[in-house]
Each structure stands twice: as structure tokens, then as C-alpha cells.
Amino acid sequence: MAVHGHRLRDWAARHDIALYLGLAYVISWSIWPLVLLNPESSPLVPFGPGLAAVLVAFLVGGRPELLGLLRQLGRWRVNPAWYGVALGMPLVAPGLALWAAVAAGAPVPRWEPADLLQVAGSIVVTIVIVGTFEELGWRGFLLPRLQRDYSALRAALIIGLAWFPWHLPELVSDPGQRPLTPFAVYILAQSVLLAWLYNSTQASLPVVVLFHAAFNSFTKFFLADLQGSPYPYLVAWWVLAGVVAVLAVAAVAYAGSRDLVKGAPRPAH
């Protein structure tokens, strides 16, 4: 029995990336068929990437590897400026997208003070339900492994290429919510920014999770009322994708493509 256990662990260690991606997709897509029975249900399990990371980490390295993965969630003591970046970029980019939509003919939104509480609540819920579980997998588990063999930029783009089709159940179930091409650009560029944040904060998942959750929440808040205006909505998404792409290019130019860290090596794990 022990021999079989060692063989399984050795096999998993040699194929950890492929095993992780397979499990992340299988777990996340497992409820997609239920949408046929209940069209209002979610077609995607958001905790798939995180659960896959936990399973593969434990299978490959046992308790020490699993604790090393989870310990990244406690690395919140970083320069406060990074929290400003994690909230500022997700506020500015969708804000510019909304401004472009209004310039393209969308009505000027009218907000109430209570809307601020709505956005804050959305960020908190998204941190718990989406951001933590996704980023534990995509950045906490997958990014360090890819960076063993690739530059940080290439690793980030590889993750983006895996992360974009992971959203397929949502894209199919509600094709009007996220226009396909600008969403693909947005995901690839955001993956670069997330890798830059992760490496620059020495693997601080709280900063990365906050960035992810804030981007989801502010984008939903600023663009939600535009879906009834097809052309301004498309303009908004293209501007959003363009702004995020420009920010990603700026991050690479500033920090360098090899490590995506200004003046210091990227974290080993």
C-alpha cells in the first residue's frame, strides 16, 4: 500500500499542473448541466480552482505543501500602498468605461448614497465566494509552479489562456453579459496585473483577492445598467479591456517581464 502511495504521489508531482487544471475545470463545470433544469441557477462552481489546488497540493506534498499553500492567505502585512493599488485600479478602469459609454449615448446614471454600501457589500461577498477560492488556485498554486520554468509574464499569460475558457459556462448561459473578444483581452491583461501584484507583494493573496473582488464588483456596478443599450455597452467593454491592457503593459514596462517585480526577485512560493 505504501509503495502505491509513493507512486501516486510521484505521478502527481510530475503532472501537478495538468492534474490541477483538470480538477479545476471538472469541479467548476460539474453543475453546468443543472442549468438545463433551472435556467436561473449558476452554471459555474466558483470554488473549483481553490478546491483543486488544495487537493493537488496535499496529494503532491502532504500536509507541509498544503499548509504552505494556505499560509499565503495570511500574508496581509504588506506596504499599504498595494491595497491602494488593489482598490484604485478596479475603480478607475470601469469608471472610464462608464464615461465612454455615456459619451456613446448611454444615459447618465443616478446613484444614491446607499449604492456605496451596495458596492462595499458586493466586494466583501465576492472576496469570500469568488476571489479567495479562485486566487488560491490560479495565483497561489498555479503561478509559482509555472514560474519555475517560465518568465513571470509568460506564466501570467498561460494562466490567462486557461482562465478565460474556464468562464465558458457563464459565457454560454448569458452571452450578452460579457462580450467575448473584449472579455478575452480583459482576462489576459488582468492575469498579468494579478501576477505583478502577487510577485511584488511576496505572494500576498489578500492583496490579489481584494484586487479581483474589487474589479468584479466595480465593473458590475458601473456597467450593469448599460446592458439595455447594446452599442454603449460594447463600447464600455472595449474601453475597459483597453484600459486594463494599458495598465498591464505599464506594469511590465515598470517591473520587467522576467519577474514582474521592480528591483527584487519574485517570490519562490
C-alpha atoms as a PDB file:
ATOM      1  CA  MET A   1       0.000   0.000   0.000  1.00  0.00           C
ATOM      2  CA  ALA A   2       2.837   2.394   0.871  1.00  0.00           C
ATOM      3  CA  VAL A   3       4.510   1.661  -2.480  1.00  0.00           C
ATOM      4  CA  HIS A   4       1.316   2.506  -4.354  1.00  0.00           C
ATOM      5  CA  GLY A   5       1.003   5.708  -2.318  1.00  0.00           C
ATOM      6  CA  HIS A   6       4.532   6.793  -3.245  1.00  0.00           C
ATOM      7  CA  ARG A   7       3.877   6.004  -6.907  1.00  0.00           C
ATOM      8  CA  LEU A   8       0.701   8.057  -6.878  1.00  0.00           C
ATOM      9  CA  ARG A   9       2.476  10.971  -5.207  1.00  0.00           C
ATOM     10  CA  ASP A  10       5.388  10.786  -7.654  1.00  0.00           C
ATOM     11  CA  TRP A  11       2.988  10.697 -10.603  1.00  0.00           C
ATOM     12  CA  ALA A  12       1.016  13.652  -9.224  1.00  0.00           C
ATOM     13  CA  ALA A  13       4.229  15.624  -8.661  1.00  0.00           C
ATOM     14  CA  ARG A  14       5.259  15.079 -12.295  1.00  0.00           C
ATOM     15  CA  HIS A  15       1.827  16.097 -13.601  1.00  0.00           C
ATOM     16  CA  ASP A  16       0.755  18.614 -10.960  1.00  0.00           C
ATOM     17  CA  ILE A  17      -0.154  21.396 -13.397  1.00  0.00           C
ATOM     18  CA  ALA A  18      -2.209  19.198 -15.721  1.00  0.00           C
ATOM     19  CA  LEU A  19      -3.865  17.497 -12.744  1.00  0.00           C
ATOM     20  CA  TYR A  20      -4.711  20.850 -11.200  1.00  0.00           C
ATOM     21  CA  LEU A  21      -6.225  22.244 -14.391  1.00  0.00           C
ATOM     22  CA  GLY A  22      -8.257  19.092 -14.985  1.00  0.00           C
ATOM     23  CA  LEU A  23      -9.688  19.122 -11.464  1.00  0.00           C
ATOM     24  CA  ALA A  24     -10.348  22.877 -11.535  1.00  0.00           C
ATOM     25  CA  TYR A  25     -12.403  22.503 -14.698  1.00  0.00           C
ATOM     26  CA  VAL A  26     -14.219  19.322 -13.661  1.00  0.00           C
ATOM     27  CA  ILE A  27     -15.216  20.683 -10.252  1.00  0.00           C
ATOM     28  CA  SER A  28     -16.160  24.113 -11.569  1.00  0.00           C
ATOM     29  CA  TRP A  29     -18.181  22.799 -14.510  1.00  0.00           C
ATOM     30  CA  SER A  30     -19.854  19.975 -12.591  1.00  0.00           C
ATOM     31  CA  ILE A  31     -23.144  21.836 -12.083  1.00  0.00           C
ATOM     32  CA  TRP A  32     -23.373  23.231 -15.616  1.00  0.00           C
ATOM     33  CA  PRO A  33     -25.932  20.556 -16.694  1.00  0.00           C
ATOM     34  CA  LEU A  34     -28.240  21.679 -13.859  1.00  0.00           C
ATOM     35  CA  VAL A  35     -28.817  24.946 -15.717  1.00  0.00           C
ATOM     36  CA  LEU A  36     -30.984  22.923 -18.122  1.00  0.00           C
ATOM     37  CA  LEU A  37     -33.315  22.219 -15.199  1.00  0.00           C
ATOM     38  CA  ASN A  38     -33.082  25.668 -13.614  1.00  0.00           C
ATOM     39  CA  PRO A  39     -32.000  28.433 -16.039  1.00  0.00           C
ATOM     40  CA  GLU A  40     -31.671  30.891 -13.138  1.00  0.00           C
ATOM     41  CA  SER A  41     -29.029  28.804 -11.353  1.00  0.00           C
ATOM     42  CA  SER A  42     -25.305  29.448 -11.566  1.00  0.00           C
ATOM     43  CA  PRO A  43     -23.556  27.361 -14.231  1.00  0.00           C
ATOM     44  CA  LEU A  44     -20.152  27.578 -12.538  1.00  0.00           C
ATOM     45  CA  VAL A  45     -18.807  26.446  -9.154  1.00  0.00           C
ATOM     46  CA  PRO A  46     -16.545  29.337  -8.088  1.00  0.00           C
ATOM     47  CA  PHE A  47     -14.567  27.327  -5.543  1.00  0.00           C
ATOM     48  CA  GLY A  48     -13.335  24.824  -8.155  1.00  0.00           C
ATOM     49  CA  PRO A  49      -9.830  26.347  -8.596  1.00  0.00           C
ATOM     50  CA  GLY A  50      -9.287  26.614  -4.836  1.00  0.00           C
ATOM     51  CA  LEU A  51     -10.503  23.098  -4.067  1.00  0.00           C
ATOM     52  CA  ALA A  52      -8.397  21.681  -6.892  1.00  0.00           C
ATOM     53  CA  ALA A  53      -5.343  23.481  -5.505  1.00  0.00           C
ATOM     54  CA  VAL A  54      -5.945  22.080  -2.012  1.00  0.00           C
ATOM     55  CA  LEU A  55      -6.370  18.524  -3.324  1.00  0.00           C
ATOM     56  CA  VAL A  56      -3.313  18.566  -5.589  1.00  0.00           C
ATOM     57  CA  ALA A  57      -1.104  20.311  -3.028  1.00  0.00           C
ATOM     58  CA  PHE A  58      -1.947  17.695  -0.412  1.00  0.00           C
ATOM     59  CA  LEU A  59      -1.523  14.843  -2.887  1.00  0.00           C
ATOM     60  CA  VAL A  60       1.864  16.108  -4.077  1.00  0.00           C
ATOM     61  CA  GLY A  61       3.430  17.240  -0.809  1.00  0.00           C
ATOM     62  CA  GLY A  62       1.149  16.212   2.010  1.00  0.00           C
ATOM     63  CA  ARG A  63       0.449  18.467   4.973  1.00  0.00           C
ATOM     64  CA  PRO A  64       3.567  20.708   4.572  1.00  0.00           C
ATOM     65  CA  GLU A  65       2.699  21.546   0.958  1.00  0.00           C
ATOM     66  CA  LEU A  66      -0.934  22.211   1.843  1.00  0.00           C
ATOM     67  CA  LEU A  67      -0.001  24.481   4.748  1.00  0.00           C
ATOM     68  CA  GLY A  68       2.434  26.354   2.520  1.00  0.00           C
ATOM     69  CA  LEU A  69      -0.380  26.994   0.062  1.00  0.00           C
ATOM     70  CA  LEU A  70      -2.884  28.132   2.700  1.00  0.00           C
ATOM     71  CA  ARG A  71      -0.307  30.260   4.515  1.00  0.00           C
ATOM     72  CA  GLN A  72      -0.354  32.695   1.597  1.00  0.00           C
ATOM     73  CA  LEU A  73      -3.864  33.733   2.646  1.00  0.00           C
ATOM     74  CA  GLY A  74      -2.381  35.159   5.842  1.00  0.00           C
ATOM     75  CA  ARG A  75       0.227  37.364   4.157  1.00  0.00           C
ATOM     76  CA  TRP A  76      -1.679  40.606   4.597  1.00  0.00           C
ATOM     77  CA  ARG A  77       1.157  42.635   6.133  1.00  0.00           C
ATOM     78  CA  VAL A  78       2.424  44.465   3.072  1.00  0.00           C
ATOM     79  CA  ASN A  79       3.019  48.098   2.205  1.00  0.00           C
ATOM     80  CA  PRO A  80      -0.434  49.767   2.447  1.00  0.00           C
ATOM     81  CA  ALA A  81       0.150  51.305  -0.981  1.00  0.00           C
ATOM     82  CA  TRP A  82      -0.532  47.892  -2.521  1.00  0.00           C
ATOM     83  CA  TYR A  83      -4.013  47.906  -1.021  1.00  0.00           C
ATOM     84  CA  GLY A  84      -4.489  51.307  -2.608  1.00  0.00           C
ATOM     85  CA  VAL A  85      -3.489  49.813  -5.964  1.00  0.00           C
ATOM     86  CA  ALA A  86      -5.793  46.832  -5.384  1.00  0.00           C
ATOM     87  CA  LEU A  87      -8.752  49.187  -4.913  1.00  0.00           C
ATOM     88  CA  GLY A  88      -7.709  52.090  -7.143  1.00  0.00           C
ATOM     89  CA  MET A  89      -7.203  50.289 -10.459  1.00  0.00           C
ATOM     90  CA  PRO A  90     -10.546  48.425 -10.213  1.00  0.00           C
ATOM     91  CA  LEU A  91     -12.278  51.737  -9.517  1.00  0.00           C
ATOM     92  CA  VAL A  92     -10.647  53.785 -12.274  1.00  0.00           C
ATOM     93  CA  ALA A  93     -10.870  51.300 -15.173  1.00  0.00           C
ATOM     94  CA  PRO A  94     -14.650  50.607 -15.021  1.00  0.00           C
ATOM     95  CA  GLY A  95     -15.218  54.292 -14.261  1.00  0.00           C
ATOM     96  CA  LEU A  96     -13.527  55.256 -17.533  1.00  0.00           C
ATOM     97  CA  ALA A  97     -15.542  52.552 -19.309  1.00  0.00           C
ATOM     98  CA  LEU A  98     -18.773  54.060 -17.977  1.00  0.00           C
ATOM     99  CA  TRP A  99     -17.682  57.543 -19.055  1.00  0.00           C
ATOM    100  CA  ALA A 100     -17.054  56.220 -22.583  1.00  0.00           C
ATOM    101  CA  ALA A 101     -20.485  54.565 -22.631  1.00  0.00           C
ATOM    102  CA  VAL A 102     -22.167  57.829 -21.643  1.00  0.00           C
ATOM    103  CA  ALA A 103     -20.225  59.600 -24.394  1.00  0.00           C
ATOM    104  CA  ALA A 104     -21.547  56.926 -26.793  1.00  0.00           C
ATOM    105  CA  GLY A 105     -25.148  57.677 -25.868  1.00  0.00           C
ATOM    106  CA  ALA A 106     -25.908  55.819 -22.644  1.00  0.00           C
ATOM    107  CA  PRO A 107     -27.918  57.720 -20.015  1.00  0.00           C
ATOM    108  CA  VAL A 108     -26.018  59.313 -17.141  1.00  0.00           C
ATOM    109  CA  PRO A 109     -26.507  57.064 -14.090  1.00  0.00           C
ATOM    110  CA  ARG A 110     -28.110  58.407 -10.933  1.00  0.00           C
ATOM    111  CA  TRP A 111     -26.759  56.946  -7.723  1.00  0.00           C
ATOM    112  CA  GLU A 112     -27.903  57.119  -4.141  1.00  0.00           C
ATOM    113  CA  PRO A 113     -25.714  57.101  -1.003  1.00  0.00           C
ATOM    114  CA  ALA A 114     -26.951  53.582  -0.309  1.00  0.00           C
ATOM    115  CA  ASP A 115     -25.226  52.447  -3.505  1.00  0.00           C
ATOM    116  CA  LEU A 116     -21.866  52.852  -1.757  1.00  0.00           C
ATOM    117  CA  LEU A 117     -22.954  50.268   0.807  1.00  0.00           C
ATOM    118  CA  GLN A 118     -24.083  48.023  -2.028  1.00  0.00           C
ATOM    119  CA  VAL A 119     -20.655  48.139  -3.649  1.00  0.00           C
ATOM    120  CA  ALA A 120     -18.889  47.573  -0.332  1.00  0.00           C
ATOM    121  CA  GLY A 121     -21.143  44.606   0.403  1.00  0.00           C
ATOM    122  CA  SER A 122     -20.531  43.221  -3.073  1.00  0.00           C
ATOM    123  CA  ILE A 123     -16.754  43.415  -2.571  1.00  0.00           C
ATOM    124  CA  VAL A 124     -16.995  41.567   0.749  1.00  0.00           C
ATOM    125  CA  VAL A 125     -19.240  38.823  -0.688  1.00  0.00           C
ATOM    126  CA  THR A 126     -17.058  38.480  -3.788  1.00  0.00           C
ATOM    127  CA  ILE A 127     -13.931  38.176  -1.633  1.00  0.00           C
ATOM    128  CA  VAL A 128     -15.498  35.256   0.240  1.00  0.00           C
ATOM    129  CA  ILE A 129     -17.307  33.439  -2.568  1.00  0.00           C
ATOM    130  CA  VAL A 130     -15.197  34.149  -5.648  1.00  0.00           C
ATOM    131  CA  GLY A 131     -11.882  35.893  -5.050  1.00  0.00           C
ATOM    132  CA  THR A 132     -10.435  33.713  -2.304  1.00  0.00           C
ATOM    133  CA  PHE A 133     -11.243  30.395  -3.947  1.00  0.00           C
ATOM    134  CA  GLU A 134     -10.179  31.438  -7.434  1.00  0.00           C
ATOM    135  CA  GLU A 135      -6.939  33.142  -6.420  1.00  0.00           C
ATOM    136  CA  LEU A 136      -5.880  30.357  -4.068  1.00  0.00           C
ATOM    137  CA  GLY A 137      -5.792  28.236  -7.219  1.00  0.00           C
ATOM    138  CA  TRP A 138      -4.804  30.454 -10.138  1.00  0.00           C
ATOM    139  CA  ARG A 139      -2.210  32.589  -8.390  1.00  0.00           C
ATOM    140  CA  GLY A 140      -1.489  30.797  -5.097  1.00  0.00           C
ATOM    141  CA  PHE A 141      -0.970  27.339  -6.619  1.00  0.00           C
ATOM    142  CA  LEU A 142      -0.519  27.595 -10.385  1.00  0.00           C
ATOM    143  CA  LEU A 143       1.533  30.777 -10.832  1.00  0.00           C
ATOM    144  CA  PRO A 144       4.543  29.723  -8.680  1.00  0.00           C
ATOM    145  CA  ARG A 145       4.708  26.380 -10.464  1.00  0.00           C
ATOM    146  CA  LEU A 146       4.650  27.923 -13.930  1.00  0.00           C
ATOM    147  CA  GLN A 147       7.294  30.448 -12.883  1.00  0.00           C
ATOM    148  CA  ARG A 148       9.727  27.618 -12.213  1.00  0.00           C
ATOM    149  CA  ASP A 149      10.055  27.155 -15.990  1.00  0.00           C
ATOM    150  CA  TYR A 150       8.806  30.412 -17.497  1.00  0.00           C
ATOM    151  CA  SER A 151       9.188  34.133 -17.025  1.00  0.00           C
ATOM    152  CA  ALA A 152       6.548  35.781 -14.882  1.00  0.00           C
ATOM    153  CA  LEU A 153       4.938  37.411 -17.924  1.00  0.00           C
ATOM    154  CA  ARG A 154       4.711  34.173 -19.860  1.00  0.00           C
ATOM    155  CA  ALA A 155       3.369  32.344 -16.804  1.00  0.00           C
ATOM    156  CA  ALA A 156       0.710  35.032 -16.357  1.00  0.00           C
ATOM    157  CA  LEU A 157      -0.363  34.764 -19.988  1.00  0.00           C
ATOM    158  CA  ILE A 158      -0.536  30.963 -19.759  1.00  0.00           C
ATOM    159  CA  ILE A 159      -2.829  31.298 -16.752  1.00  0.00           C
ATOM    160  CA  GLY A 160      -4.931  33.808 -18.671  1.00  0.00           C
ATOM    161  CA  LEU A 161      -5.317  31.306 -21.513  1.00  0.00           C
ATOM    162  CA  ALA A 162      -6.573  28.728 -19.009  1.00  0.00           C
ATOM    163  CA  TRP A 163      -8.650  31.203 -17.000  1.00  0.00           C
ATOM    164  CA  PHE A 164     -10.614  32.614 -19.946  1.00  0.00           C
ATOM    165  CA  PRO A 165     -12.228  29.335 -21.157  1.00  0.00           C
ATOM    166  CA  TRP A 166     -12.869  28.398 -17.509  1.00  0.00           C
ATOM    167  CA  HIS A 167     -15.636  31.043 -17.690  1.00  0.00           C
ATOM    168  CA  LEU A 168     -17.299  29.221 -20.624  1.00  0.00           C
ATOM    169  CA  PRO A 169     -20.440  28.118 -18.716  1.00  0.00           C
ATOM    170  CA  GLU A 170     -21.176  31.734 -17.810  1.00  0.00           C
ATOM    171  CA  LEU A 171     -20.398  32.979 -21.315  1.00  0.00           C
ATOM    172  CA  VAL A 172     -22.766  30.424 -22.851  1.00  0.00           C
ATOM    173  CA  SER A 173     -25.553  30.847 -20.291  1.00  0.00           C
ATOM    174  CA  ASP A 174     -25.581  34.648 -20.547  1.00  0.00           C
ATOM    175  CA  PRO A 175     -23.796  35.634 -23.781  1.00  0.00           C
ATOM    176  CA  GLY A 176     -24.842  39.287 -23.537  1.00  0.00           C
ATOM    177  CA  GLN A 177     -23.242  39.897 -20.154  1.00  0.00           C
ATOM    178  CA  ARG A 178     -19.612  39.735 -21.300  1.00  0.00           C
ATOM    179  CA  PRO A 179     -18.794  40.401 -24.977  1.00  0.00           C
ATOM    180  CA  LEU A 180     -16.421  37.631 -25.949  1.00  0.00           C
ATOM    181  CA  THR A 181     -13.435  39.400 -27.549  1.00  0.00           C
ATOM    182  CA  PRO A 182     -13.023  42.331 -25.133  1.00  0.00           C
ATOM    183  CA  PHE A 183     -13.584  39.943 -22.230  1.00  0.00           C
ATOM    184  CA  ALA A 184     -10.721  37.768 -23.511  1.00  0.00           C
ATOM    185  CA  VAL A 185      -8.427  40.815 -23.685  1.00  0.00           C
ATOM    186  CA  TYR A 186      -9.572  41.858 -20.219  1.00  0.00           C
ATOM    187  CA  ILE A 187      -8.842  38.427 -18.711  1.00  0.00           C
ATOM    188  CA  LEU A 188      -5.361  38.155 -20.257  1.00  0.00           C
ATOM    189  CA  ALA A 189      -4.421  41.674 -19.160  1.00  0.00           C
ATOM    190  CA  GLN A 190      -5.865  41.186 -15.691  1.00  0.00           C
ATOM    191  CA  SER A 191      -3.894  37.965 -15.319  1.00  0.00           C
ATOM    192  CA  VAL A 192      -0.700  39.968 -15.915  1.00  0.00           C
ATOM    193  CA  LEU A 193      -1.709  42.566 -13.322  1.00  0.00           C
ATOM    194  CA  LEU A 194      -2.570  39.862 -10.782  1.00  0.00           C
ATOM    195  CA  ALA A 195       0.827  38.212 -11.307  1.00  0.00           C
ATOM    196  CA  TRP A 196       2.504  41.606 -10.854  1.00  0.00           C
ATOM    197  CA  LEU A 197       0.635  42.173  -7.586  1.00  0.00           C
ATOM    198  CA  TYR A 198       1.344  38.640  -6.354  1.00  0.00           C
ATOM    199  CA  ASN A 199       5.066  38.793  -7.082  1.00  0.00           C
ATOM    200  CA  SER A 200       5.516  42.382  -5.934  1.00  0.00           C
ATOM    201  CA  THR A 201       3.922  41.675  -2.540  1.00  0.00           C
ATOM    202  CA  GLN A 202       5.886  38.451  -1.958  1.00  0.00           C
ATOM    203  CA  ALA A 203       2.865  36.208  -2.552  1.00  0.00           C
ATOM    204  CA  SER A 204       0.266  38.185  -0.605  1.00  0.00           C
ATOM    205  CA  LEU A 205      -3.023  36.551  -1.594  1.00  0.00           C
ATOM    206  CA  PRO A 206      -5.115  39.074   0.402  1.00  0.00           C
ATOM    207  CA  VAL A 207      -3.969  41.868  -1.931  1.00  0.00           C
ATOM    208  CA  VAL A 208      -4.604  39.715  -5.001  1.00  0.00           C
ATOM    209  CA  VAL A 209      -8.035  38.618  -3.754  1.00  0.00           C
ATOM    210  CA  LEU A 210      -9.027  42.212  -2.991  1.00  0.00           C
ATOM    211  CA  PHE A 211      -7.996  43.317  -6.494  1.00  0.00           C
ATOM    212  CA  HIS A 212     -10.014  40.505  -8.088  1.00  0.00           C
ATOM    213  CA  ALA A 213     -13.094  41.124  -5.943  1.00  0.00           C
ATOM    214  CA  ALA A 214     -12.976  44.905  -6.398  1.00  0.00           C
ATOM    215  CA  PHE A 215     -12.669  44.604 -10.185  1.00  0.00           C
ATOM    216  CA  ASN A 216     -15.667  42.257 -10.340  1.00  0.00           C
ATOM    217  CA  SER A 217     -17.756  44.467  -8.054  1.00  0.00           C
ATOM    218  CA  PHE A 218     -16.968  47.854  -9.592  1.00  0.00           C
ATOM    219  CA  THR A 219     -17.378  46.507 -13.129  1.00  0.00           C
ATOM    220  CA  LYS A 220     -20.764  45.048 -12.267  1.00  0.00           C
ATOM    221  CA  PHE A 221     -21.850  48.253 -10.526  1.00  0.00           C
ATOM    222  CA  PHE A 222     -20.747  50.668 -13.255  1.00  0.00           C
ATOM    223  CA  LEU A 223     -21.845  48.607 -16.269  1.00  0.00           C
ATOM    224  CA  ALA A 224     -24.935  46.770 -15.026  1.00  0.00           C
ATOM    225  CA  ASP A 225     -27.438  49.372 -16.259  1.00  0.00           C
ATOM    226  CA  LEU A 226     -25.876  49.509 -19.726  1.00  0.00           C
ATOM    227  CA  GLN A 227     -26.978  46.060 -20.912  1.00  0.00           C
ATOM    228  CA  GLY A 228     -30.168  47.542 -22.350  1.00  0.00           C
ATOM    229  CA  SER A 229     -28.047  49.762 -24.629  1.00  0.00           C
ATOM    230  CA  PRO A 230     -26.085  47.338 -26.851  1.00  0.00           C
ATOM    231  CA  TYR A 231     -23.739  49.806 -28.545  1.00  0.00           C
ATOM    232  CA  PRO A 232     -22.733  51.822 -25.436  1.00  0.00           C
ATOM    233  CA  TYR A 233     -22.349  48.545 -23.516  1.00  0.00           C
ATOM    234  CA  LEU A 234     -19.970  47.194 -26.159  1.00  0.00           C
ATOM    235  CA  VAL A 235     -18.058  50.486 -26.144  1.00  0.00           C
ATOM    236  CA  ALA A 236     -17.767  50.255 -22.359  1.00  0.00           C
ATOM    237  CA  TRP A 237     -16.358  46.744 -22.522  1.00  0.00           C
ATOM    238  CA  TRP A 238     -13.818  47.657 -25.193  1.00  0.00           C
ATOM    239  CA  VAL A 239     -12.675  50.672 -23.201  1.00  0.00           C
ATOM    240  CA  LEU A 240     -12.487  48.551 -20.042  1.00  0.00           C
ATOM    241  CA  ALA A 241     -10.390  45.930 -21.856  1.00  0.00           C
ATOM    242  CA  GLY A 242      -8.188  48.630 -23.381  1.00  0.00           C
ATOM    243  CA  VAL A 243      -7.552  50.398 -20.079  1.00  0.00           C
ATOM    244  CA  VAL A 244      -6.681  47.122 -18.316  1.00  0.00           C
ATOM    245  CA  ALA A 245      -4.386  46.186 -21.216  1.00  0.00           C
ATOM    246  CA  VAL A 246      -2.605  49.557 -20.965  1.00  0.00           C
ATOM    247  CA  LEU A 247      -2.192  49.070 -17.209  1.00  0.00           C
ATOM    248  CA  ALA A 248      -0.760  45.591 -17.821  1.00  0.00           C
ATOM    249  CA  VAL A 249       1.726  46.912 -20.385  1.00  0.00           C
ATOM    250  CA  ALA A 250       2.721  49.666 -17.946  1.00  0.00           C
ATOM    251  CA  ALA A 251       3.266  47.111 -15.174  1.00  0.00           C
ATOM    252  CA  VAL A 252       5.506  45.021 -17.439  1.00  0.00           C
ATOM    253  CA  ALA A 253       7.467  48.097 -18.544  1.00  0.00           C
ATOM    254  CA  TYR A 254       7.885  49.186 -14.924  1.00  0.00           C
ATOM    255  CA  ALA A 255       8.691  45.846 -13.280  1.00  0.00           C
ATOM    256  CA  GLY A 256      10.191  43.824 -16.141  1.00  0.00           C
ATOM    257  CA  SER A 257       8.797  40.751 -17.840  1.00  0.00           C
ATOM    258  CA  ARG A 258      11.096  38.203 -16.170  1.00  0.00           C
ATOM    259  CA  ASP A 259       9.957  38.661 -12.578  1.00  0.00           C
ATOM    260  CA  LEU A 260       7.247  41.369 -12.679  1.00  0.00           C
ATOM    261  CA  VAL A 261       8.934  42.814  -9.590  1.00  0.00           C
ATOM    262  CA  LYS A 262      10.717  46.154  -9.506  1.00  0.00           C
ATOM    263  CA  GLY A 263      14.227  45.760  -8.112  1.00  0.00           C
ATOM    264  CA  ALA A 264      13.738  42.378  -6.384  1.00  0.00           C
ATOM    265  CA  PRO A 265      13.348  38.709  -7.366  1.00  0.00           C
ATOM    266  CA  ARG A 266       9.878  37.221  -7.471  1.00  0.00           C
ATOM    267  CA  PRO A 267       8.734  35.018  -4.560  1.00  0.00           C
ATOM    268  CA  ALA A 268       9.762  31.377  -4.669  1.00  0.00           C
ATOM    269  CA  HIS A 269       6.322  30.304  -3.438  1.00  0.00           C
END
